Amino acid sequence: MPESLDGRMRNVSRKPVLRVRKSGALIVAALIAFVGTVPFAGARWQLAPILLLPLAVLVWAWRAGTDVDAEGLRVRALFGTTDVPWSRVAELAPDARNQVSALLTDGKVIQLTGVTKARLPAVIAASGQELAGDDQEEETAQ
């Protein structure tokens, strides 16, 4: 990574090749829910905390997702972020609900937020790697 003379480039964040997020409909739904709860919260001060629920959903829908680049995965949740280098990923596999999880070399499983079975080829392409079955398909096609 390039460094400037005064060393300020040291902590520059990496830019992901692919950003996978939840549907934008969740953000719209959270905004509508927030507007719908305002009359209840305004009626009595004891109901004011009800505004926190749609706000939490809004922040989660805005923030949660998976960033992919050649170095690894960054899985974001409402609170916190998990960085996983590709060297720790043993396998990417969809479950019964078409949500993709990463099986790590230490046996742990991390669900990739926002990544579905349909987006899995894009995730693998953004990683700079190839699908394991691509070589076999090319050989049988020839």
N, C-alpha and C. Protein backbone atom coordinates (compact mmCIF):
# COMPACT_ATOMS: atom_id res chain seq x y z
N MET A 1 0.86 -1.17 0.00
CA MET A 1 0.00 0.00 0.00
C MET A 1 0.90 1.23 0.00
N PRO A 2 0.60 2.21 -0.83
CA PRO A 2 1.45 3.40 -0.87
C PRO A 2 1.36 4.19 0.42
N GLU A 3 2.49 4.78 0.78
CA GLU A 3 2.51 5.61 1.97
C GLU A 3 3.02 7.00 1.61
N SER A 4 2.43 7.98 2.21
CA SER A 4 2.90 9.34 1.98
C SER A 4 4.11 9.61 2.87
N LEU A 5 4.75 10.76 2.67
CA LEU A 5 5.94 11.07 3.44
C LEU A 5 5.67 11.20 4.92
N ASP A 6 4.51 11.72 5.29
CA ASP A 6 4.22 11.89 6.71
C ASP A 6 3.51 10.68 7.32
N GLY A 7 3.29 9.61 6.55
CA GLY A 7 2.73 8.36 7.08
C GLY A 7 1.24 8.36 7.30
N ARG A 8 0.50 9.26 6.70
CA ARG A 8 -0.94 9.32 6.94
C ARG A 8 -1.73 8.25 6.19
N MET A 9 -1.17 7.63 5.18
CA MET A 9 -1.91 6.65 4.38
C MET A 9 -1.96 5.27 5.05
N ARG A 10 -1.36 5.13 6.18
CA ARG A 10 -1.25 3.83 6.83
C ARG A 10 -2.60 3.23 7.20
N ASN A 11 -3.53 4.02 7.65
CA ASN A 11 -4.81 3.51 8.12
C ASN A 11 -5.96 3.73 7.14
N VAL A 12 -5.67 3.80 5.86
CA VAL A 12 -6.72 3.99 4.86
C VAL A 12 -7.51 2.70 4.75
N SER A 13 -8.84 2.82 4.78
CA SER A 13 -9.67 1.63 4.70
C SER A 13 -9.72 1.12 3.27
N ARG A 14 -9.86 -0.18 3.13
CA ARG A 14 -9.93 -0.78 1.81
C ARG A 14 -11.33 -0.62 1.22
N LYS A 15 -11.40 -0.49 -0.07
CA LYS A 15 -12.68 -0.33 -0.74
C LYS A 15 -13.10 -1.70 -1.28
N PRO A 16 -14.30 -2.16 -0.93
CA PRO A 16 -14.72 -3.47 -1.39
C PRO A 16 -15.00 -3.48 -2.89
N VAL A 17 -14.80 -4.64 -3.49
CA VAL A 17 -15.11 -4.83 -4.90
C VAL A 17 -16.61 -5.00 -5.06
N LEU A 18 -17.25 -5.66 -4.11
CA LEU A 18 -18.69 -5.93 -4.16
C LEU A 18 -19.29 -5.66 -2.79
N ARG A 19 -20.39 -4.92 -2.78
CA ARG A 19 -21.14 -4.68 -1.55
C ARG A 19 -22.51 -5.33 -1.72
N VAL A 20 -22.82 -6.27 -0.83
CA VAL A 20 -24.11 -6.95 -0.86
C VAL A 20 -24.90 -6.49 0.35
N ARG A 21 -26.07 -5.95 0.11
CA ARG A 21 -26.91 -5.43 1.19
C ARG A 21 -28.30 -6.05 1.11
N LYS A 22 -29.04 -5.90 2.19
CA LYS A 22 -30.44 -6.30 2.21
C LYS A 22 -31.23 -5.42 1.25
N SER A 23 -32.44 -5.81 0.96
CA SER A 23 -33.29 -5.07 0.03
C SER A 23 -33.56 -3.65 0.54
N GLY A 24 -33.61 -2.71 -0.38
CA GLY A 24 -33.94 -1.33 -0.04
C GLY A 24 -35.36 -1.19 0.47
N ALA A 25 -36.20 -2.19 0.21
CA ALA A 25 -37.57 -2.16 0.70
C ALA A 25 -37.61 -2.16 2.23
N LEU A 26 -36.60 -2.74 2.87
CA LEU A 26 -36.54 -2.72 4.33
C LEU A 26 -36.37 -1.31 4.86
N ILE A 27 -35.58 -0.50 4.18
CA ILE A 27 -35.38 0.89 4.60
C ILE A 27 -36.68 1.66 4.46
N VAL A 28 -37.37 1.46 3.34
CA VAL A 28 -38.66 2.14 3.14
C VAL A 28 -39.67 1.69 4.19
N ALA A 29 -39.72 0.39 4.47
CA ALA A 29 -40.65 -0.12 5.48
C ALA A 29 -40.34 0.45 6.86
N ALA A 30 -39.06 0.57 7.20
CA ALA A 30 -38.68 1.13 8.50
C ALA A 30 -39.06 2.60 8.59
N LEU A 31 -38.89 3.34 7.51
CA LEU A 31 -39.30 4.75 7.51
C LEU A 31 -40.81 4.90 7.67
N ILE A 32 -41.56 4.05 6.98
CA ILE A 32 -43.03 4.08 7.10
C ILE A 32 -43.44 3.71 8.52
N ALA A 33 -42.79 2.70 9.10
CA ALA A 33 -43.10 2.31 10.48
C ALA A 33 -42.77 3.43 11.46
N PHE A 34 -41.67 4.13 11.22
CA PHE A 34 -41.31 5.25 12.09
C PHE A 34 -42.37 6.34 12.02
N VAL A 35 -42.78 6.70 10.82
CA VAL A 35 -43.81 7.73 10.66
C VAL A 35 -45.12 7.28 11.31
N GLY A 36 -45.42 5.98 11.21
CA GLY A 36 -46.64 5.46 11.82
C GLY A 36 -46.62 5.44 13.33
N THR A 37 -45.43 5.37 13.92
CA THR A 37 -45.35 5.34 15.39
C THR A 37 -45.29 6.73 16.02
N VAL A 38 -45.03 7.75 15.21
CA VAL A 38 -44.94 9.11 15.75
C VAL A 38 -46.23 9.53 16.46
N PRO A 39 -47.44 9.30 15.91
CA PRO A 39 -48.65 9.68 16.64
C PRO A 39 -48.80 8.98 18.00
N PHE A 40 -48.41 7.70 18.05
CA PHE A 40 -48.49 6.97 19.33
C PHE A 40 -47.50 7.55 20.34
N ALA A 41 -46.28 7.81 19.88
CA ALA A 41 -45.25 8.35 20.77
C ALA A 41 -45.60 9.76 21.22
N GLY A 42 -46.32 10.51 20.39
CA GLY A 42 -46.70 11.87 20.75
C GLY A 42 -47.91 11.93 21.68
N ALA A 43 -48.67 10.85 21.74
CA ALA A 43 -49.88 10.84 22.58
C ALA A 43 -49.53 10.83 24.06
N ARG A 44 -48.54 10.03 24.44
CA ARG A 44 -48.12 9.94 25.84
C ARG A 44 -46.62 9.78 25.89
N TRP A 45 -45.98 10.40 26.82
CA TRP A 45 -44.53 10.33 26.89
C TRP A 45 -44.02 8.91 27.18
N GLN A 46 -44.85 8.09 27.84
CA GLN A 46 -44.44 6.72 28.15
C GLN A 46 -44.30 5.88 26.88
N LEU A 47 -44.94 6.30 25.79
CA LEU A 47 -44.87 5.54 24.53
C LEU A 47 -43.72 5.99 23.63
N ALA A 48 -42.97 6.99 24.05
CA ALA A 48 -41.86 7.50 23.23
C ALA A 48 -40.81 6.44 22.88
N PRO A 49 -40.49 5.50 23.77
CA PRO A 49 -39.50 4.48 23.40
C PRO A 49 -39.92 3.59 22.23
N ILE A 50 -41.20 3.60 21.89
CA ILE A 50 -41.65 2.80 20.75
C ILE A 50 -41.00 3.25 19.45
N LEU A 51 -40.53 4.51 19.41
CA LEU A 51 -39.84 5.02 18.23
C LEU A 51 -38.49 4.33 17.99
N LEU A 52 -37.93 3.75 19.04
CA LEU A 52 -36.62 3.11 18.92
C LEU A 52 -36.65 1.86 18.05
N LEU A 53 -37.76 1.14 18.04
CA LEU A 53 -37.84 -0.09 17.26
C LEU A 53 -37.70 0.16 15.76
N PRO A 54 -38.51 1.03 15.15
CA PRO A 54 -38.30 1.27 13.72
C PRO A 54 -36.95 1.94 13.42
N LEU A 55 -36.43 2.73 14.35
CA LEU A 55 -35.11 3.32 14.15
C LEU A 55 -34.02 2.24 14.13
N ALA A 56 -34.14 1.26 15.00
CA ALA A 56 -33.17 0.16 15.03
C ALA A 56 -33.24 -0.66 13.73
N VAL A 57 -34.45 -0.90 13.24
CA VAL A 57 -34.60 -1.62 11.98
C VAL A 57 -34.01 -0.81 10.83
N LEU A 58 -34.21 0.49 10.85
CA LEU A 58 -33.66 1.36 9.81
C LEU A 58 -32.13 1.32 9.80
N VAL A 59 -31.52 1.44 10.97
CA VAL A 59 -30.06 1.40 11.06
C VAL A 59 -29.54 0.04 10.63
N TRP A 60 -30.20 -1.03 11.05
CA TRP A 60 -29.79 -2.38 10.67
C TRP A 60 -29.88 -2.57 9.16
N ALA A 61 -30.98 -2.16 8.55
CA ALA A 61 -31.16 -2.33 7.10
C ALA A 61 -30.13 -1.51 6.33
N TRP A 62 -29.75 -0.35 6.86
CA TRP A 62 -28.77 0.50 6.20
C TRP A 62 -27.36 -0.07 6.32
N ARG A 63 -27.04 -0.64 7.48
CA ARG A 63 -25.68 -1.05 7.78
C ARG A 63 -25.37 -2.51 7.43
N ALA A 64 -26.30 -3.42 7.67
CA ALA A 64 -26.02 -4.85 7.55
C ALA A 64 -25.75 -5.25 6.11
N GLY A 65 -24.77 -6.13 5.94
CA GLY A 65 -24.44 -6.64 4.62
C GLY A 65 -23.06 -7.27 4.61
N THR A 66 -22.62 -7.63 3.42
CA THR A 66 -21.32 -8.27 3.25
C THR A 66 -20.53 -7.52 2.19
N ASP A 67 -19.30 -7.18 2.50
CA ASP A 67 -18.38 -6.55 1.55
C ASP A 67 -17.36 -7.60 1.15
N VAL A 68 -17.07 -7.67 -0.15
CA VAL A 68 -16.16 -8.69 -0.68
C VAL A 68 -15.06 -8.01 -1.48
N ASP A 69 -13.82 -8.46 -1.27
CA ASP A 69 -12.71 -8.04 -2.12
C ASP A 69 -11.71 -9.19 -2.19
N ALA A 70 -10.58 -8.97 -2.84
CA ALA A 70 -9.59 -10.03 -3.04
C ALA A 70 -8.94 -10.48 -1.75
N GLU A 71 -8.97 -9.65 -0.71
CA GLU A 71 -8.35 -10.00 0.57
C GLU A 71 -9.25 -10.83 1.46
N GLY A 72 -10.58 -10.63 1.38
CA GLY A 72 -11.47 -11.39 2.24
C GLY A 72 -12.88 -10.83 2.27
N LEU A 73 -13.59 -11.21 3.31
CA LEU A 73 -14.98 -10.81 3.51
C LEU A 73 -15.07 -9.89 4.71
N ARG A 74 -15.99 -8.96 4.66
CA ARG A 74 -16.32 -8.13 5.82
C ARG A 74 -17.83 -8.24 6.00
N VAL A 75 -18.26 -8.87 7.10
CA VAL A 75 -19.67 -9.08 7.39
C VAL A 75 -20.09 -8.06 8.43
N ARG A 76 -21.08 -7.24 8.07
CA ARG A 76 -21.55 -6.17 8.96
C ARG A 76 -22.92 -6.52 9.52
N ALA A 77 -23.10 -6.21 10.79
CA ALA A 77 -24.38 -6.41 11.47
C ALA A 77 -24.79 -5.08 12.10
N LEU A 78 -25.87 -5.09 12.87
CA LEU A 78 -26.32 -3.86 13.53
C LEU A 78 -25.22 -3.31 14.43
N PHE A 79 -24.63 -4.18 15.24
CA PHE A 79 -23.52 -3.80 16.11
C PHE A 79 -22.33 -4.67 15.77
N GLY A 80 -21.32 -4.11 15.19
CA GLY A 80 -20.08 -4.84 14.96
C GLY A 80 -19.86 -5.28 13.53
N THR A 81 -18.61 -5.62 13.28
CA THR A 81 -18.16 -6.06 11.97
C THR A 81 -17.19 -7.22 12.16
N THR A 82 -17.27 -8.21 11.27
CA THR A 82 -16.35 -9.33 11.30
C THR A 82 -15.58 -9.37 10.00
N ASP A 83 -14.25 -9.30 10.08
CA ASP A 83 -13.39 -9.42 8.92
C ASP A 83 -12.86 -10.84 8.84
N VAL A 84 -13.00 -11.47 7.66
CA VAL A 84 -12.55 -12.84 7.47
C VAL A 84 -11.67 -12.88 6.22
N PRO A 85 -10.37 -13.18 6.37
CA PRO A 85 -9.52 -13.32 5.19
C PRO A 85 -9.86 -14.61 4.45
N TRP A 86 -9.61 -14.62 3.14
CA TRP A 86 -9.94 -15.81 2.35
C TRP A 86 -9.18 -17.04 2.81
N SER A 87 -8.03 -16.87 3.43
CA SER A 87 -7.26 -18.02 3.91
C SER A 87 -7.99 -18.77 5.02
N ARG A 88 -8.93 -18.12 5.70
CA ARG A 88 -9.70 -18.78 6.76
C ARG A 88 -10.99 -19.40 6.25
N VAL A 89 -11.38 -19.13 5.00
CA VAL A 89 -12.64 -19.64 4.45
C VAL A 89 -12.38 -20.98 3.79
N ALA A 90 -13.04 -22.03 4.29
CA ALA A 90 -12.90 -23.36 3.70
C ALA A 90 -13.94 -23.58 2.60
N GLU A 91 -15.14 -23.00 2.79
CA GLU A 91 -16.23 -23.27 1.86
C GLU A 91 -17.31 -22.21 1.99
N LEU A 92 -17.94 -21.87 0.87
CA LEU A 92 -19.14 -21.04 0.85
C LEU A 92 -20.28 -21.93 0.40
N ALA A 93 -21.36 -21.98 1.18
CA ALA A 93 -22.45 -22.89 0.86
C ALA A 93 -23.80 -22.29 1.20
N PRO A 94 -24.80 -22.48 0.32
CA PRO A 94 -26.16 -22.02 0.62
C PRO A 94 -26.87 -23.01 1.54
N ASP A 95 -27.80 -22.51 2.34
CA ASP A 95 -28.59 -23.38 3.19
C ASP A 95 -29.96 -23.61 2.56
N ALA A 96 -30.88 -24.19 3.30
CA ALA A 96 -32.21 -24.51 2.77
C ALA A 96 -33.01 -23.26 2.41
N ARG A 97 -32.69 -22.11 3.02
CA ARG A 97 -33.41 -20.86 2.73
C ARG A 97 -32.69 -20.02 1.68
N ASN A 98 -31.70 -20.60 0.98
CA ASN A 98 -30.89 -19.93 -0.05
C ASN A 98 -30.01 -18.81 0.50
N GLN A 99 -29.78 -18.78 1.80
CA GLN A 99 -28.84 -17.84 2.41
C GLN A 99 -27.47 -18.50 2.42
N VAL A 100 -26.42 -17.76 2.10
CA VAL A 100 -25.08 -18.32 1.99
C VAL A 100 -24.33 -18.12 3.30
N SER A 101 -23.62 -19.16 3.71
CA SER A 101 -22.78 -19.11 4.90
C SER A 101 -21.36 -19.48 4.52
N ALA A 102 -20.41 -18.98 5.29
CA ALA A 102 -19.00 -19.32 5.09
C ALA A 102 -18.58 -20.28 6.19
N LEU A 103 -18.09 -21.44 5.78
CA LEU A 103 -17.53 -22.41 6.72
C LEU A 103 -16.05 -22.10 6.84
N LEU A 104 -15.60 -21.80 8.06
CA LEU A 104 -14.22 -21.42 8.27
C LEU A 104 -13.35 -22.64 8.55
N THR A 105 -12.06 -22.47 8.42
CA THR A 105 -11.13 -23.59 8.61
C THR A 105 -11.13 -24.10 10.04
N ASP A 106 -11.54 -23.27 11.01
CA ASP A 106 -11.60 -23.72 12.40
C ASP A 106 -12.95 -24.35 12.76
N GLY A 107 -13.83 -24.53 11.76
CA GLY A 107 -15.11 -25.19 11.99
C GLY A 107 -16.27 -24.24 12.27
N LYS A 108 -16.01 -22.98 12.47
CA LYS A 108 -17.07 -22.01 12.72
C LYS A 108 -17.81 -21.69 11.43
N VAL A 109 -19.06 -21.26 11.57
CA VAL A 109 -19.88 -20.89 10.43
C VAL A 109 -20.33 -19.45 10.61
N ILE A 110 -20.17 -18.64 9.56
CA ILE A 110 -20.61 -17.24 9.58
C ILE A 110 -21.60 -17.05 8.45
N GLN A 111 -22.80 -16.60 8.79
CA GLN A 111 -23.79 -16.31 7.75
C GLN A 111 -23.42 -14.99 7.08
N LEU A 112 -23.38 -14.99 5.76
CA LEU A 112 -23.04 -13.80 5.01
C LEU A 112 -24.31 -12.99 4.78
N THR A 113 -24.44 -11.90 5.51
CA THR A 113 -25.65 -11.08 5.49
C THR A 113 -25.91 -10.54 4.09
N GLY A 114 -27.09 -10.79 3.59
CA GLY A 114 -27.50 -10.27 2.30
C GLY A 114 -27.11 -11.14 1.11
N VAL A 115 -26.24 -12.11 1.29
CA VAL A 115 -25.78 -12.95 0.18
C VAL A 115 -26.72 -14.14 0.03
N THR A 116 -27.31 -14.25 -1.15
CA THR A 116 -28.18 -15.38 -1.47
C THR A 116 -27.47 -16.30 -2.46
N LYS A 117 -28.08 -17.44 -2.72
CA LYS A 117 -27.51 -18.41 -3.65
C LYS A 117 -27.33 -17.79 -5.04
N ALA A 118 -28.25 -16.91 -5.44
CA ALA A 118 -28.17 -16.27 -6.75
C ALA A 118 -26.98 -15.30 -6.84
N ARG A 119 -26.57 -14.72 -5.72
CA ARG A 119 -25.46 -13.76 -5.72
C ARG A 119 -24.10 -14.41 -5.46
N LEU A 120 -24.10 -15.71 -5.19
CA LEU A 120 -22.85 -16.42 -4.87
C LEU A 120 -21.82 -16.33 -6.00
N PRO A 121 -22.18 -16.50 -7.28
CA PRO A 121 -21.17 -16.35 -8.34
C PRO A 121 -20.54 -14.96 -8.37
N ALA A 122 -21.33 -13.91 -8.09
CA ALA A 122 -20.78 -12.55 -8.05
C ALA A 122 -19.81 -12.38 -6.89
N VAL A 123 -20.11 -13.01 -5.76
CA VAL A 123 -19.22 -12.95 -4.59
C VAL A 123 -17.89 -13.62 -4.92
N ILE A 124 -17.96 -14.78 -5.54
CA ILE A 124 -16.73 -15.51 -5.88
C ILE A 124 -15.93 -14.75 -6.94
N ALA A 125 -16.60 -14.15 -7.91
CA ALA A 125 -15.90 -13.36 -8.93
C ALA A 125 -15.23 -12.14 -8.30
N ALA A 126 -15.89 -11.49 -7.35
CA ALA A 126 -15.31 -10.32 -6.68
C ALA A 126 -14.11 -10.71 -5.81
N SER A 127 -14.05 -11.96 -5.41
CA SER A 127 -12.92 -12.41 -4.60
C SER A 127 -11.67 -12.64 -5.44
N GLY A 128 -11.83 -12.68 -6.77
CA GLY A 128 -10.70 -12.93 -7.65
C GLY A 128 -10.40 -14.41 -7.80
N GLN A 129 -11.31 -15.26 -7.33
CA GLN A 129 -11.12 -16.69 -7.42
C GLN A 129 -12.11 -17.26 -8.42
N GLU A 130 -11.98 -18.53 -8.73
CA GLU A 130 -12.88 -19.20 -9.66
C GLU A 130 -13.70 -20.24 -8.92
N LEU A 131 -14.87 -20.56 -9.48
CA LEU A 131 -15.69 -21.63 -8.92
C LEU A 131 -14.96 -22.95 -9.08
N ALA A 132 -15.10 -23.84 -8.10
CA ALA A 132 -14.41 -25.12 -8.14
C ALA A 132 -14.88 -25.97 -9.31
N GLY A 133 -16.14 -25.85 -9.72
CA GLY A 133 -16.69 -26.66 -10.81
C GLY A 133 -16.43 -26.10 -12.19
N ASP A 134 -15.87 -24.90 -12.33
CA ASP A 134 -15.66 -24.28 -13.64
C ASP A 134 -14.70 -25.08 -14.50
N ASP A 135 -13.58 -25.57 -13.93
CA ASP A 135 -12.60 -26.31 -14.71
C ASP A 135 -13.19 -27.60 -15.22
N GLN A 136 -13.99 -28.28 -14.41
CA GLN A 136 -14.59 -29.54 -14.82
C GLN A 136 -15.60 -29.32 -15.93
N GLU A 137 -16.39 -28.23 -15.86
CA GLU A 137 -17.38 -27.95 -16.89
C GLU A 137 -16.71 -27.64 -18.22
N GLU A 138 -15.58 -26.91 -18.18
CA GLU A 138 -14.87 -26.58 -19.41
C GLU A 138 -14.30 -27.82 -20.06
N GLU A 139 -13.78 -28.77 -19.26
CA GLU A 139 -13.21 -29.99 -19.81
C GLU A 139 -14.27 -30.87 -20.45
N THR A 140 -15.46 -30.95 -19.87
CA THR A 140 -16.53 -31.77 -20.43
C THR A 140 -17.14 -31.12 -21.67
N ALA A 141 -17.06 -29.80 -21.77
CA ALA A 141 -17.61 -29.10 -22.93
C ALA A 141 -16.73 -29.30 -24.16
N GLN A 142 -15.42 -29.56 -23.97
CA GLN A 142 -14.51 -29.71 -25.10
C GLN A 142 -14.53 -31.07 -25.63
